[in-house]
C-alpha atoms as a PDB file:
ATOM      1  CA  MET A   1     -31.182 -75.169  23.411  1.00  0.00           C
ATOM      2  CA  THR A   2     -32.863 -72.314  21.507  1.00  0.00           C
ATOM      3  CA  GLN A   3     -31.727 -68.694  21.543  1.00  0.00           C
ATOM      4  CA  ALA A   4     -34.838 -67.756  23.556  1.00  0.00           C
ATOM      5  CA  GLN A   5     -33.987 -70.323  26.215  1.00  0.00           C
ATOM      6  CA  ILE A   6     -30.390 -69.132  26.382  1.00  0.00           C
ATOM      7  CA  ALA A   7     -31.517 -65.520  26.829  1.00  0.00           C
ATOM      8  CA  GLU A   8     -34.110 -66.235  29.535  1.00  0.00           C
ATOM      9  CA  THR A   9     -31.990 -64.900  32.365  1.00  0.00           C
ATOM     10  CA  PRO A  10     -29.535 -62.022  32.445  1.00  0.00           C
ATOM     11  CA  GLN A  11     -26.686 -64.149  33.787  1.00  0.00           C
ATOM     12  CA  ASN A  12     -26.707 -66.147  30.535  1.00  0.00           C
ATOM     13  CA  LEU A  13     -25.900 -63.062  28.492  1.00  0.00           C
ATOM     14  CA  ASP A  14     -22.619 -61.286  27.823  1.00  0.00           C
ATOM     15  CA  ALA A  15     -21.403 -60.462  31.315  1.00  0.00           C
ATOM     16  CA  ALA A  16     -18.878 -57.983  29.925  1.00  0.00           C
ATOM     17  CA  ASP A  17     -21.639 -55.498  29.048  1.00  0.00           C
ATOM     18  CA  PRO A  18     -24.256 -55.191  31.793  1.00  0.00           C
ATOM     19  CA  CYS A  19     -26.237 -52.588  29.834  1.00  0.00           C
ATOM     20  CA  ARG A  20     -26.484 -54.835  26.787  1.00  0.00           C
ATOM     21  CA  GLN A  21     -27.406 -57.649  29.166  1.00  0.00           C
ATOM     22  CA  MET A  22     -30.304 -55.680  30.698  1.00  0.00           C
ATOM     23  CA  VAL A  23     -31.561 -54.562  27.283  1.00  0.00           C
ATOM     24  CA  ALA A  24     -31.594 -58.137  25.995  1.00  0.00           C
ATOM     25  CA  TYR A  25     -33.241 -59.312  29.207  1.00  0.00           C
ATOM     26  CA  ILE A  26     -36.101 -56.808  29.023  1.00  0.00           C
ATOM     27  CA  GLN A  27     -36.713 -57.741  25.393  1.00  0.00           C
ATOM     28  CA  ASN A  28     -36.880 -61.370  26.419  1.00  0.00           C
ATOM     29  CA  LEU A  29     -39.239 -60.585  29.309  1.00  0.00           C
ATOM     30  CA  LEU A  30     -41.571 -58.612  27.037  1.00  0.00           C
ATOM     31  CA  THR A  31     -41.585 -61.335  24.396  1.00  0.00           C
ATOM     32  CA  ARG A  32     -42.457 -63.920  27.038  1.00  0.00           C
ATOM     33  CA  GLN A  33     -45.127 -61.613  28.468  1.00  0.00           C
ATOM     34  CA  ILE A  34     -46.732 -61.333  25.025  1.00  0.00           C
ATOM     35  CA  GLU A  35     -46.737 -65.128  24.740  1.00  0.00           C
ATOM     36  CA  ARG A  36     -48.399 -65.457  28.131  1.00  0.00           C
ATOM     37  CA  LEU A  37     -51.028 -62.840  27.294  1.00  0.00           C
ATOM     38  CA  ARG A  38     -51.833 -64.576  24.020  1.00  0.00           C
ATOM     39  CA  ASN A  39     -52.278 -67.824  25.945  1.00  0.00           C
ATOM     40  CA  TYR A  40     -54.520 -66.133  28.530  1.00  0.00           C
ATOM     41  CA  ASP A  41     -51.946 -66.787  31.268  1.00  0.00           C
ATOM     42  CA  ILE A  42     -52.606 -63.539  33.109  1.00  0.00           C
ATOM     43  CA  ASP A  43     -50.834 -64.581  36.319  1.00  0.00           C
ATOM     44  CA  GLY A  44     -47.684 -65.476  34.387  1.00  0.00           C
ATOM     45  CA  ALA A  45     -47.872 -62.235  32.405  1.00  0.00           C
ATOM     46  CA  VAL A  46     -48.188 -60.191  35.611  1.00  0.00           C
ATOM     47  CA  VAL A  47     -45.065 -61.785  37.092  1.00  0.00           C
ATOM     48  CA  LEU A  48     -43.143 -60.971  33.911  1.00  0.00           C
ATOM     49  CA  ALA A  49     -44.566 -57.422  33.862  1.00  0.00           C
ATOM     50  CA  GLU A  50     -43.335 -56.827  37.405  1.00  0.00           C
ATOM     51  CA  GLU A  51     -39.844 -58.015  36.499  1.00  0.00           C
ATOM     52  CA  SER A  52     -39.758 -56.026  33.249  1.00  0.00           C
ATOM     53  CA  SER A  53     -40.879 -52.939  35.181  1.00  0.00           C
ATOM     54  CA  ARG A  54     -37.914 -53.274  37.535  1.00  0.00           C
ATOM     55  CA  VAL A  55     -35.515 -53.655  34.616  1.00  0.00           C
ATOM     56  CA  ALA A  56     -37.152 -50.763  32.715  1.00  0.00           C
ATOM     57  CA  ASN A  57     -36.792 -48.506  35.757  1.00  0.00           C
ATOM     58  CA  THR A  58     -33.088 -49.338  35.980  1.00  0.00           C
ATOM     59  CA  LEU A  59     -32.605 -48.718  32.265  1.00  0.00           C
ATOM     60  CA  ALA A  60     -34.458 -45.407  32.522  1.00  0.00           C
ATOM     61  CA  ALA A  61     -32.527 -44.269  35.603  1.00  0.00           C
ATOM     62  CA  ASP A  62     -29.238 -45.011  33.843  1.00  0.00           C
ATOM     63  CA  ARG A  63     -30.540 -43.519  30.566  1.00  0.00           C
ATOM     64  CA  VAL A  64     -29.241 -46.563  28.728  1.00  0.00           C
ATOM     65  CA  LEU A  65     -31.755 -46.481  25.881  1.00  0.00           C
ATOM     66  CA  GLU A  66     -30.914 -42.841  25.148  1.00  0.00           C
ATOM     67  CA  ARG A  67     -27.448 -43.878  23.998  1.00  0.00           C
ATOM     68  CA  PRO A  68     -27.008 -44.008  20.208  1.00  0.00           C
ATOM     69  CA  GLU A  69     -25.772 -47.609  20.257  1.00  0.00           C
ATOM     70  CA  PHE A  70     -29.126 -48.690  21.708  1.00  0.00           C
ATOM     71  CA  ALA A  71     -31.349 -46.895  19.149  1.00  0.00           C
ATOM     72  CA  GLN A  72     -32.512 -50.123  17.470  1.00  0.00           C
ATOM     73  CA  ASP A  73     -33.071 -51.782  20.823  1.00  0.00           C
ATOM     74  CA  ARG A  74     -35.115 -48.796  21.997  1.00  0.00           C
ATOM     75  CA  GLN A  75     -37.351 -49.088  18.913  1.00  0.00           C
ATOM     76  CA  ARG A  76     -37.720 -52.840  19.411  1.00  0.00           C
ATOM     77  CA  ILE A  77     -38.630 -52.389  23.076  1.00  0.00           C
ATOM     78  CA  GLN A  78     -41.161 -49.684  22.197  1.00  0.00           C
ATOM     79  CA  ARG A  79     -42.774 -52.028  19.660  1.00  0.00           C
ATOM     80  CA  LEU A  80     -42.934 -54.809  22.250  1.00  0.00           C
ATOM     81  CA  TYR A  81     -44.572 -52.502  24.794  1.00  0.00           C
ATOM     82  CA  GLN A  82     -47.043 -51.357  22.127  1.00  0.00           C
ATOM     83  CA  GLU A  83     -47.887 -54.975  21.382  1.00  0.00           C
ATOM     84  CA  VAL A  84     -48.426 -55.695  25.088  1.00  0.00           C
ATOM     85  CA  SER A  85     -50.708 -52.651  25.330  1.00  0.00           C
ATOM     86  CA  LEU A  86     -52.657 -53.676  22.244  1.00  0.00           C
ATOM     87  CA  ILE A  87     -53.203 -57.217  23.514  1.00  0.00           C
ATOM     88  CA  ILE A  88     -54.371 -55.908  26.899  1.00  0.00           C
ATOM     89  CA  ALA A  89     -56.723 -53.392  25.259  1.00  0.00           C
ATOM     90  CA  THR A  90     -58.171 -56.104  23.035  1.00  0.00           C
ATOM     91  CA  GLU A  91     -58.683 -58.451  25.968  1.00  0.00           C
ATOM     92  CA  ARG A  92     -60.269 -55.666  28.010  1.00  0.00           C
ATOM     93  CA  ALA A  93     -62.738 -54.968  25.188  1.00  0.00           C
ATOM     94  CA  GLU A  94     -63.607 -58.663  24.911  1.00  0.00           C
ATOM     95  CA  VAL A  95     -64.173 -58.953  28.668  1.00  0.00           C
ATOM     96  CA  ALA A  96     -66.342 -55.819  28.660  1.00  0.00           C
ATOM     97  CA  GLU A  97     -68.487 -57.251  25.853  1.00  0.00           C
ATOM     98  CA  LYS A  98     -68.873 -60.563  27.690  1.00  0.00           C
ATOM     99  CA  LEU A  99     -69.923 -58.730  30.853  1.00  0.00           C
ATOM    100  CA  ARG A 100     -72.551 -56.786  28.880  1.00  0.00           C
ATOM    101  CA  ALA A 101     -73.878 -60.061  27.466  1.00  0.00           C
ATOM    102  CA  ILE A 102     -74.043 -61.580  30.960  1.00  0.00           C
ATOM    103  CA  ARG A 103     -75.910 -58.542  32.294  1.00  0.00           C
ATOM    104  CA  ARG A 104     -78.394 -58.748  29.415  1.00  0.00           C
ATOM    105  CA  GLY A 105     -78.901 -62.432  30.192  1.00  0.00           C
ATOM    106  CA  ILE A 106     -79.492 -61.723  33.872  1.00  0.00           C
ATOM    107  CA  ARG A 107     -82.028 -59.012  33.040  1.00  0.00           C
ATOM    108  CA  THR A 108     -83.790 -61.371  30.635  1.00  0.00           C
ATOM    109  CA  LEU A 109     -83.917 -64.123  33.259  1.00  0.00           C
ATOM    110  CA  GLY A 110     -85.221 -61.622  35.779  1.00  0.00           C
ATOM    111  CA  MET A 111     -88.027 -60.671  33.423  1.00  0.00           C
ATOM    112  CA  TYR A 112     -88.991 -64.312  32.878  1.00  0.00           C
ATOM    113  CA  GLY A 113     -88.947 -64.872  36.663  1.00  0.00           C
ATOM    114  CA  LYS A 114     -91.369 -62.025  37.201  1.00  0.00           C
ATOM    115  CA  ASN A 115     -93.731 -63.342  34.540  1.00  0.00           C
ATOM    116  CA  ALA A 116     -93.773 -66.889  35.897  1.00  0.00           C
END
């Protein structure tokens, strides 16, 4: 079993430190979300985003990532969120360009239909 598989759920992590457990879990969720986005599995990415949002809200409410011992984790999580945002922005731009191309095609077909 790989480290990623072991860390897939919070109960598989060090039960003695629930904060460390949540931090590792959100990192795992974000990593899996990035994988899903890269594979165009939007539905799977949304499910993971919902779960990571719940965990992030708990971490924020408890101010866990503000603690000095979580400084590296905070940076890692910020990088993961930035990567998620970048992938989504890139995909959004690609979809917008494809929609423009489709609209141009429809207009072109409309012009040929009028001339026929």
